[in-house]
C-alpha atoms as a PDB file:
ATOM      1  CA  MET A   1       0.000   0.000   0.000  1.00  0.00           C
ATOM      2  CA  SER A   2       1.276   3.463  -0.831  1.00  0.00           C
ATOM      3  CA  LYS A   3       1.716   6.347   1.584  1.00  0.00           C
ATOM      4  CA  ILE A   4      -1.491   8.010   2.809  1.00  0.00           C
ATOM      5  CA  GLY A   5      -1.305  11.802   2.814  1.00  0.00           C
ATOM      6  CA  THR A   6      -3.170  15.074   2.685  1.00  0.00           C
ATOM      7  CA  ARG A   7      -4.318  16.905  -0.441  1.00  0.00           C
ATOM      8  CA  GLU A   8      -1.562  19.475   0.127  1.00  0.00           C
ATOM      9  CA  GLU A   9       1.095  16.739   0.289  1.00  0.00           C
ATOM     10  CA  PHE A  10      -0.315  15.182  -2.852  1.00  0.00           C
ATOM     11  CA  GLU A  11      -0.210  18.466  -4.789  1.00  0.00           C
ATOM     12  CA  THR A  12       3.371  19.167  -3.718  1.00  0.00           C
ATOM     13  CA  ALA A  13       4.491  15.686  -4.806  1.00  0.00           C
ATOM     14  CA  ARG A  14       2.454  15.860  -8.010  1.00  0.00           C
ATOM     15  CA  ARG A  15       4.042  19.176  -9.037  1.00  0.00           C
ATOM     16  CA  GLU A  16       7.523  17.713  -8.511  1.00  0.00           C
ATOM     17  CA  LEU A  17       6.560  14.659 -10.562  1.00  0.00           C
ATOM     18  CA  GLU A  18       5.146  16.922 -13.279  1.00  0.00           C
ATOM     19  CA  ARG A  19       8.507  18.694 -13.469  1.00  0.00           C
ATOM     20  CA  ARG A  20      10.247  15.339 -13.967  1.00  0.00           C
ATOM     21  CA  GLU A  21       7.669  14.262 -16.550  1.00  0.00           C
ATOM     22  CA  LYS A  22       8.345  17.422 -18.557  1.00  0.00           C
ATOM     23  CA  GLU A  23      12.063  16.664 -18.441  1.00  0.00           C
ATOM     24  CA  HIS A  24      11.290  13.158 -19.696  1.00  0.00           C
ATOM     25  CA  THR A  25       9.193  14.577 -22.548  1.00  0.00           C
ATOM     26  CA  ARG A  26      11.956  16.954 -23.623  1.00  0.00           C
ATOM     27  CA  LEU A  27      14.490  14.118 -23.501  1.00  0.00           C
ATOM     28  CA  GLY A  28      12.130  12.028 -25.630  1.00  0.00           C
ATOM     29  CA  ASP A  29      11.998  14.832 -28.196  1.00  0.00           C
ATOM     30  CA  GLU A  30      15.796  14.969 -28.305  1.00  0.00           C
ATOM     31  CA  ILE A  31      16.060  11.190 -28.719  1.00  0.00           C
ATOM     32  CA  ALA A  32      13.527  11.334 -31.571  1.00  0.00           C
ATOM     33  CA  ARG A  33      15.674  13.937 -33.329  1.00  0.00           C
ATOM     34  CA  GLN A  34      18.764  11.801 -32.817  1.00  0.00           C
ATOM     35  CA  ARG A  35      16.909   8.760 -34.166  1.00  0.00           C
ATOM     36  CA  GLN A  36      15.963  10.678 -37.314  1.00  0.00           C
ATOM     37  CA  GLU A  37      19.571  11.782 -37.817  1.00  0.00           C
ATOM     38  CA  LEU A  38      20.920   8.220 -38.084  1.00  0.00           C
ATOM     39  CA  PRO A  39      22.694   7.557 -41.405  1.00  0.00           C
ATOM     40  CA  TRP A  40      20.643   5.876 -44.123  1.00  0.00           C
ATOM     41  CA  VAL A  41      22.006   2.563 -45.381  1.00  0.00           C
ATOM     42  CA  PRO A  42      21.079   1.448 -48.928  1.00  0.00           C
ATOM     43  CA  VAL A  43      19.268  -1.901 -49.039  1.00  0.00           C
ATOM     44  CA  GLU A  44      20.987  -3.735 -51.871  1.00  0.00           C
ATOM     45  CA  LYS A  45      19.198  -7.102 -51.739  1.00  0.00           C
ATOM     46  CA  GLU A  46      15.867  -7.746 -53.446  1.00  0.00           C
ATOM     47  CA  TYR A  47      13.852  -9.289 -50.636  1.00  0.00           C
ATOM     48  CA  GLU A  48      10.552 -10.936 -51.545  1.00  0.00           C
ATOM     49  CA  PHE A  49       7.419 -11.528 -49.496  1.00  0.00           C
ATOM     50  CA  ASP A  50       4.175 -13.436 -49.918  1.00  0.00           C
ATOM     51  CA  THR A  51       1.143 -11.179 -49.480  1.00  0.00           C
ATOM     52  CA  PRO A  52      -2.605 -11.574 -50.103  1.00  0.00           C
ATOM     53  CA  ASP A  53      -1.951  -9.747 -53.395  1.00  0.00           C
ATOM     54  CA  GLY A  54       0.837 -12.093 -54.502  1.00  0.00           C
ATOM     55  CA  ARG A  55       4.616 -12.019 -54.319  1.00  0.00           C
ATOM     56  CA  ARG A  56       5.934  -8.539 -53.507  1.00  0.00           C
ATOM     57  CA  THR A  57       9.368  -6.933 -53.060  1.00  0.00           C
ATOM     58  CA  LEU A  58      10.357  -4.760 -50.126  1.00  0.00           C
ATOM     59  CA  ARG A  59       9.924  -1.716 -52.349  1.00  0.00           C
ATOM     60  CA  GLU A  60       6.373  -2.776 -53.138  1.00  0.00           C
ATOM     61  CA  LEU A  61       5.532  -3.085 -49.440  1.00  0.00           C
ATOM     62  CA  PHE A  62       5.749   0.720 -49.271  1.00  0.00           C
ATOM     63  CA  ALA A  63       2.332   0.690 -51.035  1.00  0.00           C
ATOM     64  CA  GLY A  64       2.927   4.003 -52.754  1.00  0.00           C
ATOM     65  CA  ARG A  65       4.264   5.855 -49.715  1.00  0.00           C
ATOM     66  CA  SER A  66       7.827   7.010 -49.065  1.00  0.00           C
ATOM     67  CA  GLN A  67       8.285   5.537 -45.572  1.00  0.00           C
ATOM     68  CA  LEU A  68       7.831   1.991 -44.283  1.00  0.00           C
ATOM     69  CA  LEU A  69       7.764   0.565 -40.770  1.00  0.00           C
ATOM     70  CA  VAL A  70       8.096  -3.217 -40.552  1.00  0.00           C
ATOM     71  CA  TYR A  71       7.212  -4.940 -37.301  1.00  0.00           C
ATOM     72  CA  HIS A  72       8.993  -8.288 -37.154  1.00  0.00           C
ATOM     73  CA  PHE A  73       6.229 -10.432 -35.654  1.00  0.00           C
ATOM     74  CA  MET A  74       7.468 -13.700 -34.124  1.00  0.00           C
ATOM     75  CA  PHE A  75       5.546 -16.495 -35.817  1.00  0.00           C
ATOM     76  CA  HIS A  76       7.671 -19.583 -36.502  1.00  0.00           C
ATOM     77  CA  PRO A  77       6.669 -21.549 -39.614  1.00  0.00           C
ATOM     78  CA  GLU A  78       5.811 -24.560 -37.445  1.00  0.00           C
ATOM     79  CA  TRP A  79       3.666 -22.656 -34.928  1.00  0.00           C
ATOM     80  CA  ASP A  80      -0.125 -22.528 -35.072  1.00  0.00           C
ATOM     81  CA  GLU A  81      -0.299 -19.260 -33.101  1.00  0.00           C
ATOM     82  CA  GLY A  82       1.786 -16.120 -33.106  1.00  0.00           C
ATOM     83  CA  CYS A  83       3.931 -14.945 -30.190  1.00  0.00           C
ATOM     84  CA  VAL A  84       1.869 -13.706 -27.232  1.00  0.00           C
ATOM     85  CA  GLY A  85       4.029 -10.602 -26.743  1.00  0.00           C
ATOM     86  CA  CYS A  86       3.915  -9.720 -30.442  1.00  0.00           C
ATOM     87  CA  SER A  87       0.149 -10.185 -30.334  1.00  0.00           C
ATOM     88  CA  PHE A  88      -0.043  -7.828 -27.349  1.00  0.00           C
ATOM     89  CA  LEU A  89       1.841  -5.166 -29.291  1.00  0.00           C
ATOM     90  CA  SER A  90      -0.014  -5.751 -32.558  1.00  0.00           C
ATOM     91  CA  ASP A  91      -3.349  -5.059 -30.865  1.00  0.00           C
ATOM     92  CA  HIS A  92      -2.271  -1.404 -30.913  1.00  0.00           C
ATOM     93  CA  LEU A  93      -1.609  -1.108 -34.645  1.00  0.00           C
ATOM     94  CA  ASP A  94      -4.996  -0.910 -36.339  1.00  0.00           C
ATOM     95  CA  GLY A  95      -6.177   2.263 -34.635  1.00  0.00           C
ATOM     96  CA  ALA A  96      -2.931   4.082 -35.408  1.00  0.00           C
ATOM     97  CA  ILE A  97      -2.563   3.064 -39.041  1.00  0.00           C
ATOM     98  CA  PRO A  98      -4.975   5.606 -40.663  1.00  0.00           C
ATOM     99  CA  HIS A  99      -3.161   8.439 -38.872  1.00  0.00           C
ATOM    100  CA  VAL A 100       0.275   7.043 -39.742  1.00  0.00           C
ATOM    101  CA  ASN A 101      -0.753   6.558 -43.381  1.00  0.00           C
ATOM    102  CA  ALA A 102      -1.752  10.231 -43.473  1.00  0.00           C
ATOM    103  CA  ARG A 103       1.882  11.072 -42.696  1.00  0.00           C
ATOM    104  CA  ASP A 104       3.135   9.132 -45.741  1.00  0.00           C
ATOM    105  CA  ILE A 105       4.055   6.035 -43.703  1.00  0.00           C
ATOM    106  CA  THR A 106       3.040   2.437 -44.356  1.00  0.00           C
ATOM    107  CA  VAL A 107       3.038  -0.046 -41.468  1.00  0.00           C
ATOM    108  CA  THR A 108       3.174  -3.788 -42.032  1.00  0.00           C
ATOM    109  CA  CYS A 109       4.008  -6.894 -40.049  1.00  0.00           C
ATOM    110  CA  VAL A 110       6.354  -9.539 -41.443  1.00  0.00           C
ATOM    111  CA  SER A 111       6.695 -13.102 -40.133  1.00  0.00           C
ATOM    112  CA  ARG A 112       8.334 -16.356 -41.242  1.00  0.00           C
ATOM    113  CA  ALA A 113       5.119 -18.391 -40.965  1.00  0.00           C
ATOM    114  CA  PRO A 114       3.312 -19.148 -44.244  1.00  0.00           C
ATOM    115  CA  LEU A 115       0.639 -16.775 -45.422  1.00  0.00           C
ATOM    116  CA  ASP A 116      -2.302 -19.078 -44.698  1.00  0.00           C
ATOM    117  CA  LYS A 117      -1.351 -19.284 -41.010  1.00  0.00           C
ATOM    118  CA  LEU A 118      -0.952 -15.520 -40.814  1.00  0.00           C
ATOM    119  CA  ALA A 119      -4.343 -14.972 -42.453  1.00  0.00           C
ATOM    120  CA  ALA A 120      -6.123 -17.377 -40.101  1.00  0.00           C
ATOM    121  CA  TYR A 121      -4.538 -15.846 -37.005  1.00  0.00           C
ATOM    122  CA  ARG A 122      -5.261 -12.315 -38.232  1.00  0.00           C
ATOM    123  CA  GLU A 123      -8.917 -13.221 -38.765  1.00  0.00           C
ATOM    124  CA  ARG A 124      -9.153 -14.870 -35.344  1.00  0.00           C
ATOM    125  CA  LEU A 125      -7.931 -11.736 -33.570  1.00  0.00           C
ATOM    126  CA  GLY A 126      -9.821  -9.306 -35.800  1.00  0.00           C
ATOM    127  CA  TRP A 127      -6.799  -7.401 -37.084  1.00  0.00           C
ATOM    128  CA  ARG A 128      -6.762  -5.431 -40.343  1.00  0.00           C
ATOM    129  CA  PHE A 129      -3.129  -4.325 -40.677  1.00  0.00           C
ATOM    130  CA  PRO A 130      -1.068  -5.650 -43.626  1.00  0.00           C
ATOM    131  CA  TRP A 131       0.868  -8.828 -42.865  1.00  0.00           C
ATOM    132  CA  ALA A 132       3.402 -10.461 -45.163  1.00  0.00           C
ATOM    133  CA  SER A 133       5.274 -13.751 -45.038  1.00  0.00           C
ATOM    134  CA  SER A 134       9.004 -13.497 -45.641  1.00  0.00           C
ATOM    135  CA  VAL A 135      10.340 -15.914 -48.234  1.00  0.00           C
ATOM    136  CA  GLY A 136      12.975 -17.749 -46.198  1.00  0.00           C
ATOM    137  CA  PRO A 137      14.904 -16.444 -43.154  1.00  0.00           C
ATOM    138  CA  GLU A 138      17.223 -14.027 -44.968  1.00  0.00           C
ATOM    139  CA  PHE A 139      15.226 -10.859 -44.309  1.00  0.00           C
ATOM    140  CA  GLY A 140      15.055 -11.585 -40.582  1.00  0.00           C
ATOM    141  CA  ILE A 141      18.727 -12.516 -40.411  1.00  0.00           C
ATOM    142  CA  ASP A 142      19.838  -9.337 -42.167  1.00  0.00           C
ATOM    143  CA  PHE A 143      17.773  -7.090 -39.881  1.00  0.00           C
ATOM    144  CA  GLY A 144      18.760  -8.727 -36.619  1.00  0.00           C
ATOM    145  CA  VAL A 145      15.624 -10.649 -35.652  1.00  0.00           C
ATOM    146  CA  THR A 146      16.511 -14.176 -36.854  1.00  0.00           C
ATOM    147  CA  THR A 147      19.596 -16.137 -35.876  1.00  0.00           C
ATOM    148  CA  PRO A 148      21.697 -17.206 -38.881  1.00  0.00           C
ATOM    149  CA  GLU A 149      22.396 -20.719 -37.595  1.00  0.00           C
ATOM    150  CA  GLU A 150      19.939 -23.609 -37.781  1.00  0.00           C
ATOM    151  CA  PRO A 151      17.462 -23.992 -36.218  1.00  0.00           C
ATOM    152  CA  HIS A 152      16.590 -20.346 -36.778  1.00  0.00           C
ATOM    153  CA  ARG A 153      15.316 -18.499 -33.731  1.00  0.00           C
ATOM    154  CA  ASP A 154      13.474 -15.213 -33.820  1.00  0.00           C
ATOM    155  CA  GLN A 155      13.028 -12.116 -31.692  1.00  0.00           C
ATOM    156  CA  PRO A 156      10.637  -9.218 -32.234  1.00  0.00           C
ATOM    157  CA  GLY A 157      11.878  -5.995 -33.749  1.00  0.00           C
ATOM    158  CA  LEU A 158      10.979  -2.885 -35.690  1.00  0.00           C
ATOM    159  CA  SER A 159      12.777  -1.806 -38.862  1.00  0.00           C
ATOM    160  CA  ALA A 160      12.282   1.550 -40.569  1.00  0.00           C
ATOM    161  CA  PHE A 161      12.891   2.220 -44.260  1.00  0.00           C
ATOM    162  CA  VAL A 162      12.616   5.145 -46.632  1.00  0.00           C
ATOM    163  CA  LEU A 163      12.242   5.192 -50.415  1.00  0.00           C
ATOM    164  CA  GLU A 164      14.160   8.059 -51.953  1.00  0.00           C
ATOM    165  CA  ASP A 165      14.800   8.491 -55.706  1.00  0.00           C
ATOM    166  CA  GLY A 166      13.977   4.833 -56.285  1.00  0.00           C
ATOM    167  CA  VAL A 167      16.414   3.576 -53.643  1.00  0.00           C
ATOM    168  CA  VAL A 168      15.312   1.822 -50.433  1.00  0.00           C
ATOM    169  CA  TYR A 169      17.304   2.780 -47.333  1.00  0.00           C
ATOM    170  CA  HIS A 170      17.324   1.223 -43.870  1.00  0.00           C
ATOM    171  CA  THR A 171      17.082   4.063 -41.332  1.00  0.00           C
ATOM    172  CA  TYR A 172      16.400   2.587 -37.877  1.00  0.00           C
ATOM    173  CA  SER A 173      15.862  -0.618 -35.896  1.00  0.00           C
ATOM    174  CA  ALA A 174      14.645  -1.353 -32.356  1.00  0.00           C
ATOM    175  CA  TYR A 175      14.468  -4.513 -30.271  1.00  0.00           C
ATOM    176  CA  ALA A 176      13.453  -5.726 -26.797  1.00  0.00           C
ATOM    177  CA  ARG A 177      12.333  -2.833 -24.560  1.00  0.00           C
ATOM    178  CA  GLY A 178      13.025  -0.451 -27.413  1.00  0.00           C
ATOM    179  CA  LEU A 179       9.647  -1.636 -28.738  1.00  0.00           C
ATOM    180  CA  GLU A 180       7.808  -0.804 -25.539  1.00  0.00           C
ATOM    181  CA  ALA A 181       6.716   2.629 -26.736  1.00  0.00           C
ATOM    182  CA  LEU A 182       4.458   0.869 -29.250  1.00  0.00           C
ATOM    183  CA  ASP A 183       2.486  -0.824 -26.453  1.00  0.00           C
ATOM    184  CA  GLY A 184      -0.234   1.717 -25.715  1.00  0.00           C
ATOM    185  CA  ALA A 185      -1.707  -0.432 -22.935  1.00  0.00           C
ATOM    186  CA  TYR A 186       1.449   0.158 -20.913  1.00  0.00           C
ATOM    187  CA  VAL A 187       0.932   3.923 -21.159  1.00  0.00           C
ATOM    188  CA  LEU A 188      -2.332   3.433 -19.266  1.00  0.00           C
ATOM    189  CA  ILE A 189      -1.008   0.760 -16.888  1.00  0.00           C
ATOM    190  CA  ASP A 190       1.947   2.981 -15.899  1.00  0.00           C
ATOM    191  CA  ARG A 191      -0.535   5.666 -14.809  1.00  0.00           C
ATOM    192  CA  ALA A 192      -2.690   3.332 -12.726  1.00  0.00           C
ATOM    193  CA  PRO A 193      -2.068   3.300  -8.929  1.00  0.00           C
ATOM    194  CA  LYS A 194      -0.319  -0.088  -8.815  1.00  0.00           C
ATOM    195  CA  GLY A 195       1.533   0.123 -12.118  1.00  0.00           C
ATOM    196  CA  ARG A 196       2.895  -2.942 -13.892  1.00  0.00           C
ATOM    197  CA  GLN A 197       3.543  -5.253 -10.953  1.00  0.00           C
ATOM    198  CA  GLU A 198       5.968  -7.278 -13.062  1.00  0.00           C
ATOM    199  CA  ASP A 199       9.659  -8.031 -13.389  1.00  0.00           C
ATOM    200  CA  PRO A 200      10.960  -5.753 -16.191  1.00  0.00           C
ATOM    201  CA  ASP A 201      13.781  -8.190 -16.969  1.00  0.00           C
ATOM    202  CA  ASN A 202      11.460 -11.116 -17.773  1.00  0.00           C
ATOM    203  CA  ALA A 203       8.612 -11.562 -20.220  1.00  0.00           C
ATOM    204  CA  PRO A 204       5.427 -10.727 -18.288  1.00  0.00           C
ATOM    205  CA  SER A 205       3.512 -13.848 -17.356  1.00  0.00           C
ATOM    206  CA  TRP A 206       0.174 -12.041 -17.386  1.00  0.00           C
ATOM    207  CA  TRP A 207       0.176 -11.404 -21.152  1.00  0.00           C
ATOM    208  CA  ARG A 208      -2.554 -13.206 -23.060  1.00  0.00           C
ATOM    209  CA  ARG A 209      -3.917 -12.970 -26.564  1.00  0.00           C
ATOM    210  CA  HIS A 210      -6.856 -10.624 -26.243  1.00  0.00           C
ATOM    211  CA  ASP A 211      -9.388 -13.426 -26.769  1.00  0.00           C
ATOM    212  CA  GLU A 212      -7.822 -15.526 -23.996  1.00  0.00           C
ATOM    213  CA  TYR A 213      -8.422 -13.320 -20.952  1.00  0.00           C
ATOM    214  CA  GLU A 214     -11.058 -14.613 -18.563  1.00  0.00           C
ATOM    215  CA  ASP A 215     -13.426 -11.738 -19.326  1.00  0.00           C
ATOM    216  CA  ALA A 216     -12.817 -11.799 -23.111  1.00  0.00           C
ATOM    217  CA  ALA A 217     -16.220 -13.322 -23.818  1.00  0.00           C
ATOM    218  CA  ALA A 218     -17.940 -10.570 -21.842  1.00  0.00           C
END
């Protein structure tokens, strides 16, 4: 249980916290600028992906826009369900996509599982975002989410690309807790009185696919 105090004590502590939160916001702005100043690296390989519209190249995944964000969704070819943590994060994509598209950015997920498994899982969870199947492990290996040695193992990640004068460039990647900013549920949980109540160094055991929580049916 937290400390019990007066309204005056609360307001004094809240104002100090607000000062720290503003510092955090300004630091976040500076980090965003630094992120956008990373050097662009030309993507020289012609990666291919299976999509509902047929075989597509990385350039074609831009879907007519100049920027592309790829979420590397962990879904092993032999699995029947996608990663629970990736599913937790992906629940936040659909609502954001129209706004992101309006800023000339396409968002898509990419996994190693075959397209039919991705389509079935996407339908089960009611998602609408684009989802492509990588053709082989090479794309994941090259962007740091798939181990090069057999058997291939995956981790989640985010890769950013830009299309400039017909050339695709890799501009940014994030992994592990670097992806946490995409989890909007945590923004709310962090502002609730008891917070996360979890070990930040281990995958949270409370995560479920959104149709697996006890009150999902309700």
